[in-house]
N, C-alpha and C. Protein backbone atom coordinates (compact mmCIF):
# COMPACT_ATOMS: atom_id res chain seq x y z
N UNK A 1 52.15 205.72 129.85
CA UNK A 1 52.67 205.36 128.54
C UNK A 1 52.30 206.48 127.55
N UNK A 2 53.24 206.91 126.74
CA UNK A 2 53.00 208.00 125.81
C UNK A 2 52.16 207.54 124.63
N UNK A 3 51.52 208.52 123.97
CA UNK A 3 50.72 208.19 122.80
C UNK A 3 51.61 207.65 121.68
N UNK A 4 52.87 208.09 121.62
CA UNK A 4 53.78 207.57 120.60
C UNK A 4 54.03 206.08 120.80
N UNK A 5 54.22 205.65 122.03
CA UNK A 5 54.46 204.23 122.26
C UNK A 5 53.22 203.40 121.93
N UNK A 6 52.04 203.93 122.20
CA UNK A 6 50.80 203.24 121.83
C UNK A 6 50.73 203.12 120.31
N UNK A 7 51.05 204.20 119.62
CA UNK A 7 51.01 204.18 118.16
C UNK A 7 52.02 203.20 117.59
N UNK A 8 53.24 203.20 118.12
CA UNK A 8 54.25 202.26 117.65
C UNK A 8 53.82 200.82 117.93
N UNK A 9 53.24 200.59 119.09
CA UNK A 9 52.76 199.25 119.44
C UNK A 9 51.64 198.81 118.50
N UNK A 10 50.73 199.73 118.18
CA UNK A 10 49.62 199.39 117.28
C UNK A 10 50.12 199.09 115.87
N UNK A 11 51.11 199.84 115.38
CA UNK A 11 51.67 199.55 114.06
C UNK A 11 52.32 198.17 114.05
N UNK A 12 53.09 197.87 115.07
CA UNK A 12 53.74 196.55 115.17
C UNK A 12 52.69 195.44 115.20
N UNK A 13 51.63 195.64 115.95
CA UNK A 13 50.55 194.66 116.05
C UNK A 13 49.93 194.38 114.69
N UNK A 14 49.61 195.44 113.93
CA UNK A 14 49.00 195.27 112.61
C UNK A 14 49.94 194.51 111.68
N UNK A 15 51.22 194.87 111.66
CA UNK A 15 52.18 194.19 110.79
C UNK A 15 52.34 192.72 111.18
N UNK A 16 52.39 192.43 112.46
CA UNK A 16 52.47 191.03 112.92
C UNK A 16 51.21 190.27 112.55
N UNK A 17 50.06 190.89 112.73
CA UNK A 17 48.78 190.24 112.42
C UNK A 17 48.69 189.90 110.94
N UNK A 18 49.02 190.86 110.08
CA UNK A 18 48.95 190.63 108.64
C UNK A 18 49.92 189.54 108.21
N UNK A 19 51.14 189.57 108.73
CA UNK A 19 52.11 188.54 108.37
C UNK A 19 51.65 187.16 108.83
N UNK A 20 51.12 187.09 110.04
CA UNK A 20 50.67 185.81 110.60
C UNK A 20 49.55 185.21 109.78
N UNK A 21 48.58 186.03 109.38
CA UNK A 21 47.44 185.51 108.63
C UNK A 21 47.74 185.35 107.14
N UNK A 22 48.21 186.39 106.49
CA UNK A 22 48.34 186.37 105.03
C UNK A 22 49.55 185.58 104.55
N UNK A 23 50.68 185.71 105.21
CA UNK A 23 51.90 185.05 104.73
C UNK A 23 52.15 183.70 105.40
N UNK A 24 51.96 183.63 106.70
CA UNK A 24 52.21 182.37 107.41
C UNK A 24 50.98 181.47 107.44
N UNK A 25 49.81 182.05 107.28
CA UNK A 25 48.55 181.31 107.32
C UNK A 25 48.40 180.48 108.60
N UNK A 26 48.77 181.10 109.68
CA UNK A 26 48.65 180.46 110.99
C UNK A 26 47.37 180.99 111.64
N UNK A 27 46.27 180.31 111.36
CA UNK A 27 44.95 180.78 111.79
C UNK A 27 44.81 180.77 113.31
N UNK A 28 45.36 179.77 113.98
CA UNK A 28 45.28 179.70 115.44
C UNK A 28 46.00 180.90 116.05
N UNK A 29 47.20 181.18 115.58
CA UNK A 29 47.96 182.33 116.09
C UNK A 29 47.27 183.64 115.73
N UNK A 30 46.65 183.69 114.55
CA UNK A 30 46.00 184.93 114.09
C UNK A 30 44.79 185.30 114.95
N UNK A 31 44.18 184.31 115.58
CA UNK A 31 43.01 184.60 116.42
C UNK A 31 43.33 185.58 117.53
N UNK A 32 44.58 185.59 118.01
CA UNK A 32 44.92 186.50 119.11
C UNK A 32 44.99 187.96 118.65
N UNK A 33 45.08 188.19 117.33
CA UNK A 33 45.17 189.55 116.80
C UNK A 33 43.81 190.15 116.44
N UNK A 34 42.85 189.32 116.04
CA UNK A 34 41.54 189.78 115.60
C UNK A 34 40.48 189.48 116.65
N UNK A 35 39.70 190.47 116.99
CA UNK A 35 38.63 190.30 117.96
C UNK A 35 37.59 189.30 117.44
N UNK A 36 37.01 188.48 118.32
CA UNK A 36 35.90 187.62 117.90
C UNK A 36 34.71 188.45 117.41
N UNK A 37 34.65 189.72 117.83
CA UNK A 37 33.57 190.63 117.43
C UNK A 37 34.04 191.63 116.37
N UNK A 38 35.05 191.25 115.61
CA UNK A 38 35.66 192.09 114.56
C UNK A 38 34.60 192.59 113.59
N UNK A 39 34.62 193.88 113.31
CA UNK A 39 33.67 194.49 112.39
C UNK A 39 34.37 194.73 111.06
N UNK A 40 33.79 194.18 110.01
CA UNK A 40 34.39 194.21 108.67
C UNK A 40 33.57 195.15 107.77
N UNK A 41 34.24 196.16 107.21
CA UNK A 41 33.57 197.10 106.30
C UNK A 41 33.96 196.88 104.84
N UNK A 42 34.77 195.88 104.55
CA UNK A 42 35.25 195.64 103.19
C UNK A 42 34.17 195.00 102.32
N UNK A 43 34.07 195.47 101.08
CA UNK A 43 33.12 194.89 100.13
C UNK A 43 33.59 193.53 99.63
N UNK A 44 34.86 193.17 99.89
CA UNK A 44 35.45 191.93 99.40
C UNK A 44 35.38 190.79 100.41
N UNK A 45 34.94 191.08 101.64
CA UNK A 45 35.10 190.11 102.73
C UNK A 45 33.78 189.93 103.48
N UNK A 46 33.44 188.69 103.75
CA UNK A 46 32.26 188.39 104.56
C UNK A 46 32.44 188.94 105.98
N UNK A 47 31.35 189.08 106.75
CA UNK A 47 31.44 189.69 108.07
C UNK A 47 32.35 188.95 109.05
N UNK A 48 32.91 189.73 109.95
CA UNK A 48 33.62 189.21 111.11
C UNK A 48 34.98 188.59 110.83
N UNK A 49 35.59 188.13 111.92
CA UNK A 49 36.90 187.49 111.85
C UNK A 49 36.85 186.24 110.98
N UNK A 50 35.79 185.44 111.13
CA UNK A 50 35.69 184.21 110.33
C UNK A 50 35.54 184.51 108.85
N UNK A 51 34.88 185.60 108.51
CA UNK A 51 34.78 186.00 107.10
C UNK A 51 36.16 186.26 106.51
N UNK A 52 36.99 186.96 107.27
CA UNK A 52 38.35 187.24 106.81
C UNK A 52 39.16 185.95 106.71
N UNK A 53 39.13 185.15 107.76
CA UNK A 53 39.91 183.90 107.76
C UNK A 53 39.46 182.98 106.63
N UNK A 54 38.16 182.89 106.39
CA UNK A 54 37.65 182.03 105.31
C UNK A 54 38.08 182.54 103.94
N UNK A 55 38.15 183.86 103.78
CA UNK A 55 38.64 184.42 102.52
C UNK A 55 40.08 183.97 102.28
N UNK A 56 40.91 184.07 103.29
CA UNK A 56 42.32 183.68 103.13
C UNK A 56 42.42 182.18 102.88
N UNK A 57 41.62 181.39 103.56
CA UNK A 57 41.62 179.93 103.32
C UNK A 57 41.28 179.61 101.86
N UNK A 58 40.47 180.48 101.23
CA UNK A 58 40.03 180.22 99.85
C UNK A 58 41.04 180.68 98.80
N UNK A 59 42.09 181.38 99.20
CA UNK A 59 43.10 181.87 98.25
C UNK A 59 44.23 180.85 98.11
N UNK A 60 44.96 180.91 97.00
CA UNK A 60 46.08 179.98 96.83
C UNK A 60 47.14 180.18 97.93
N UNK A 61 47.85 179.12 98.28
CA UNK A 61 48.88 179.22 99.32
C UNK A 61 50.05 180.13 98.93
N UNK A 62 50.08 180.55 97.68
CA UNK A 62 51.14 181.45 97.21
C UNK A 62 50.88 182.91 97.58
N UNK A 63 49.69 183.23 98.12
CA UNK A 63 49.36 184.60 98.49
C UNK A 63 50.48 185.23 99.30
N UNK A 64 50.83 186.47 98.95
CA UNK A 64 51.84 187.22 99.69
C UNK A 64 51.32 188.61 99.98
N UNK A 65 51.64 189.09 101.17
CA UNK A 65 51.34 190.47 101.56
C UNK A 65 52.65 191.17 101.89
N UNK A 66 52.85 192.35 101.30
CA UNK A 66 54.03 193.17 101.58
C UNK A 66 53.54 194.52 102.10
N UNK A 67 53.93 194.89 103.32
CA UNK A 67 53.56 196.20 103.82
C UNK A 67 54.47 197.29 103.25
N UNK A 68 53.91 198.47 103.14
CA UNK A 68 54.68 199.64 102.72
C UNK A 68 54.60 200.69 103.80
N UNK A 69 54.07 201.83 103.47
CA UNK A 69 53.93 202.92 104.43
C UNK A 69 52.89 202.53 105.48
N UNK A 70 53.20 202.83 106.74
CA UNK A 70 52.24 202.58 107.82
C UNK A 70 52.21 203.80 108.73
N UNK A 71 51.00 204.23 109.05
CA UNK A 71 50.79 205.41 109.90
C UNK A 71 49.84 205.04 111.02
N UNK A 72 50.03 205.68 112.17
CA UNK A 72 49.13 205.44 113.30
C UNK A 72 48.82 206.75 114.00
N UNK A 73 47.59 206.84 114.47
CA UNK A 73 47.13 207.98 115.25
C UNK A 73 46.14 207.44 116.26
N UNK A 74 46.50 207.46 117.52
CA UNK A 74 45.62 206.92 118.55
C UNK A 74 45.32 205.45 118.29
N UNK A 75 44.03 205.11 118.20
CA UNK A 75 43.63 203.71 117.98
C UNK A 75 43.56 203.34 116.50
N UNK A 76 43.93 204.26 115.61
CA UNK A 76 43.82 204.04 114.17
C UNK A 76 45.18 203.73 113.55
N UNK A 77 45.19 202.75 112.64
CA UNK A 77 46.39 202.41 111.88
C UNK A 77 45.98 202.29 110.41
N UNK A 78 46.78 202.88 109.53
CA UNK A 78 46.60 202.73 108.09
C UNK A 78 47.89 202.16 107.53
N UNK A 79 47.76 201.07 106.78
CA UNK A 79 48.92 200.47 106.13
C UNK A 79 48.65 200.37 104.63
N UNK A 80 49.61 200.82 103.85
CA UNK A 80 49.56 200.75 102.39
C UNK A 80 50.38 199.54 101.99
N UNK A 81 49.79 198.58 101.32
CA UNK A 81 50.50 197.35 101.02
C UNK A 81 50.13 196.74 99.69
N UNK A 82 50.81 195.64 99.39
CA UNK A 82 50.59 194.92 98.13
C UNK A 82 50.21 193.47 98.44
N UNK A 83 49.12 193.02 97.81
CA UNK A 83 48.72 191.61 97.82
C UNK A 83 49.08 191.05 96.45
N UNK A 84 49.81 189.95 96.43
CA UNK A 84 50.21 189.34 95.16
C UNK A 84 50.06 187.83 95.23
N UNK A 85 50.12 187.20 94.06
CA UNK A 85 50.10 185.74 93.92
C UNK A 85 48.89 185.10 94.60
N UNK A 86 47.71 185.71 94.40
CA UNK A 86 46.50 185.20 95.04
C UNK A 86 45.46 184.70 94.06
N UNK A 87 45.89 184.47 92.81
CA UNK A 87 44.99 183.85 91.86
C UNK A 87 44.37 184.78 90.84
N UNK A 88 44.60 186.07 90.94
CA UNK A 88 44.11 187.01 89.93
C UNK A 88 45.27 187.43 89.03
N UNK A 89 44.97 187.93 87.84
CA UNK A 89 46.06 188.26 86.91
C UNK A 89 46.90 189.47 87.33
N UNK A 90 46.39 190.30 88.25
CA UNK A 90 47.15 191.48 88.69
C UNK A 90 47.21 191.55 90.22
N UNK A 91 48.23 192.22 90.72
CA UNK A 91 48.36 192.46 92.16
C UNK A 91 47.33 193.49 92.59
N UNK A 92 47.05 193.50 93.88
CA UNK A 92 46.23 194.54 94.47
C UNK A 92 47.09 195.42 95.34
N UNK A 93 46.88 196.71 95.23
CA UNK A 93 47.46 197.67 96.15
C UNK A 93 46.31 198.10 97.06
N UNK A 94 46.55 198.01 98.38
CA UNK A 94 45.48 198.28 99.33
C UNK A 94 45.93 199.27 100.40
N UNK A 95 45.01 200.12 100.78
CA UNK A 95 45.15 200.91 101.99
C UNK A 95 44.16 200.30 102.98
N UNK A 96 44.71 199.66 103.99
CA UNK A 96 43.88 199.03 105.03
C UNK A 96 43.83 199.96 106.23
N UNK A 97 42.63 200.24 106.69
CA UNK A 97 42.41 201.12 107.83
C UNK A 97 41.87 200.25 108.95
N UNK A 98 42.58 200.25 110.07
CA UNK A 98 42.20 199.38 111.18
C UNK A 98 42.03 200.18 112.46
N UNK A 99 41.10 199.74 113.28
CA UNK A 99 40.93 200.31 114.61
C UNK A 99 41.38 199.26 115.61
N UNK A 100 42.26 199.68 116.50
CA UNK A 100 42.87 198.79 117.49
C UNK A 100 42.43 199.25 118.87
N UNK A 101 41.96 198.31 119.69
CA UNK A 101 41.64 198.61 121.09
C UNK A 101 42.19 197.50 121.95
N UNK A 102 42.88 197.89 123.00
CA UNK A 102 43.42 196.93 123.98
C UNK A 102 44.23 195.82 123.32
N UNK A 103 45.04 196.18 122.32
CA UNK A 103 45.94 195.22 121.71
C UNK A 103 45.30 194.22 120.77
N UNK A 104 44.13 194.54 120.23
CA UNK A 104 43.45 193.63 119.31
C UNK A 104 42.76 194.44 118.20
N UNK A 105 42.72 193.88 117.00
CA UNK A 105 42.07 194.53 115.87
C UNK A 105 40.56 194.37 116.00
N UNK A 106 39.85 195.50 115.99
CA UNK A 106 38.40 195.41 116.21
C UNK A 106 37.56 195.86 115.02
N UNK A 107 38.17 196.60 114.07
CA UNK A 107 37.38 197.11 112.96
C UNK A 107 38.30 197.36 111.76
N UNK A 108 37.74 197.22 110.53
CA UNK A 108 38.56 197.32 109.31
C UNK A 108 37.79 197.90 108.14
N UNK A 109 38.47 198.77 107.40
CA UNK A 109 38.01 199.29 106.11
C UNK A 109 39.16 199.12 105.13
N UNK A 110 38.89 199.09 103.83
CA UNK A 110 39.99 199.07 102.87
C UNK A 110 39.62 199.81 101.60
N UNK A 111 40.65 200.23 100.90
CA UNK A 111 40.54 200.80 99.57
C UNK A 111 41.52 200.00 98.73
N UNK A 112 41.03 199.35 97.66
CA UNK A 112 41.85 198.42 96.88
C UNK A 112 41.80 198.81 95.41
N UNK A 113 42.95 198.72 94.75
CA UNK A 113 42.98 198.91 93.30
C UNK A 113 44.02 197.99 92.69
N UNK A 114 43.83 197.69 91.41
CA UNK A 114 44.80 196.88 90.68
C UNK A 114 46.10 197.65 90.54
N UNK A 115 47.22 196.94 90.67
CA UNK A 115 48.53 197.56 90.50
C UNK A 115 48.83 197.72 89.02
N UNK A 116 49.09 198.95 88.61
CA UNK A 116 49.34 199.27 87.20
C UNK A 116 50.78 198.94 86.80
N UNK A 117 50.93 198.57 85.55
CA UNK A 117 52.26 198.41 84.95
C UNK A 117 52.76 199.79 84.53
N UNK A 118 54.01 199.87 84.13
CA UNK A 118 54.56 201.15 83.68
C UNK A 118 53.80 201.66 82.45
N UNK A 119 53.45 200.76 81.54
CA UNK A 119 52.71 201.15 80.35
C UNK A 119 51.33 201.72 80.69
N UNK A 120 50.73 201.23 81.77
CA UNK A 120 49.40 201.70 82.17
C UNK A 120 49.44 202.98 82.99
N UNK A 121 50.59 203.32 83.54
CA UNK A 121 50.71 204.42 84.47
C UNK A 121 50.94 205.75 83.77
N UNK A 122 50.03 206.69 83.96
CA UNK A 122 50.22 208.03 83.40
C UNK A 122 51.30 208.78 84.16
N UNK A 123 51.46 208.49 85.46
CA UNK A 123 52.47 209.19 86.26
C UNK A 123 53.88 208.67 86.03
N UNK A 124 53.97 207.43 85.54
CA UNK A 124 55.25 206.74 85.35
C UNK A 124 56.00 206.54 86.66
N UNK A 125 55.27 206.58 87.77
CA UNK A 125 55.83 206.26 89.08
C UNK A 125 55.12 205.01 89.59
N UNK A 126 55.85 204.05 90.16
CA UNK A 126 55.21 202.83 90.65
C UNK A 126 54.21 203.12 91.77
N UNK A 127 53.18 202.31 91.84
CA UNK A 127 52.17 202.46 92.88
C UNK A 127 52.66 201.93 94.22
N UNK A 128 53.66 201.05 94.18
CA UNK A 128 54.16 200.42 95.40
C UNK A 128 55.65 200.12 95.20
N UNK A 129 56.45 200.43 96.18
CA UNK A 129 57.87 200.12 96.10
C UNK A 129 58.59 200.95 95.05
N UNK A 130 59.69 200.39 94.55
CA UNK A 130 60.57 201.14 93.64
C UNK A 130 60.45 200.73 92.18
N UNK A 131 59.66 199.70 91.90
CA UNK A 131 59.58 199.23 90.51
C UNK A 131 58.16 198.81 90.16
N UNK A 132 57.92 198.73 88.89
CA UNK A 132 56.62 198.32 88.39
C UNK A 132 56.52 196.80 88.35
N UNK A 133 55.30 196.26 88.48
CA UNK A 133 55.13 194.81 88.35
C UNK A 133 55.23 194.40 86.88
N UNK A 134 55.61 193.17 86.66
CA UNK A 134 55.53 192.58 85.32
C UNK A 134 54.58 191.41 85.42
N UNK A 135 53.57 191.44 84.58
CA UNK A 135 52.58 190.36 84.57
C UNK A 135 52.80 189.51 83.36
N UNK A 136 52.63 188.21 83.52
CA UNK A 136 52.80 187.28 82.41
C UNK A 136 51.48 186.87 81.84
């Protein structure tokens, strides 16, 4: 199997895992994507798979995750995405870095920042997608 097919498979796995947990909130199905020994490096999340699942359980059911750019190299996948409607006044833009081994997510890091409005943006380019968010 070529390294490209492994990379494509890992990207698909990460997107399916994120959709299953964050958007569908299917915790039983999500268990097949995250290792029971999952290592969490995020300052926002308690340790392990259960720390992640418990965080999602604590957010409003309106939480949405939208993936953007996704890159893979060997066992590493980075996805740039938007978390919205999770109970805070602004969206989060996140770069999630994941390590995948044998078809399962085993380790995670993230870089998160608030999504800026057009008025807040010095670049005048949206941080995610083609348009700026509007907050009420």
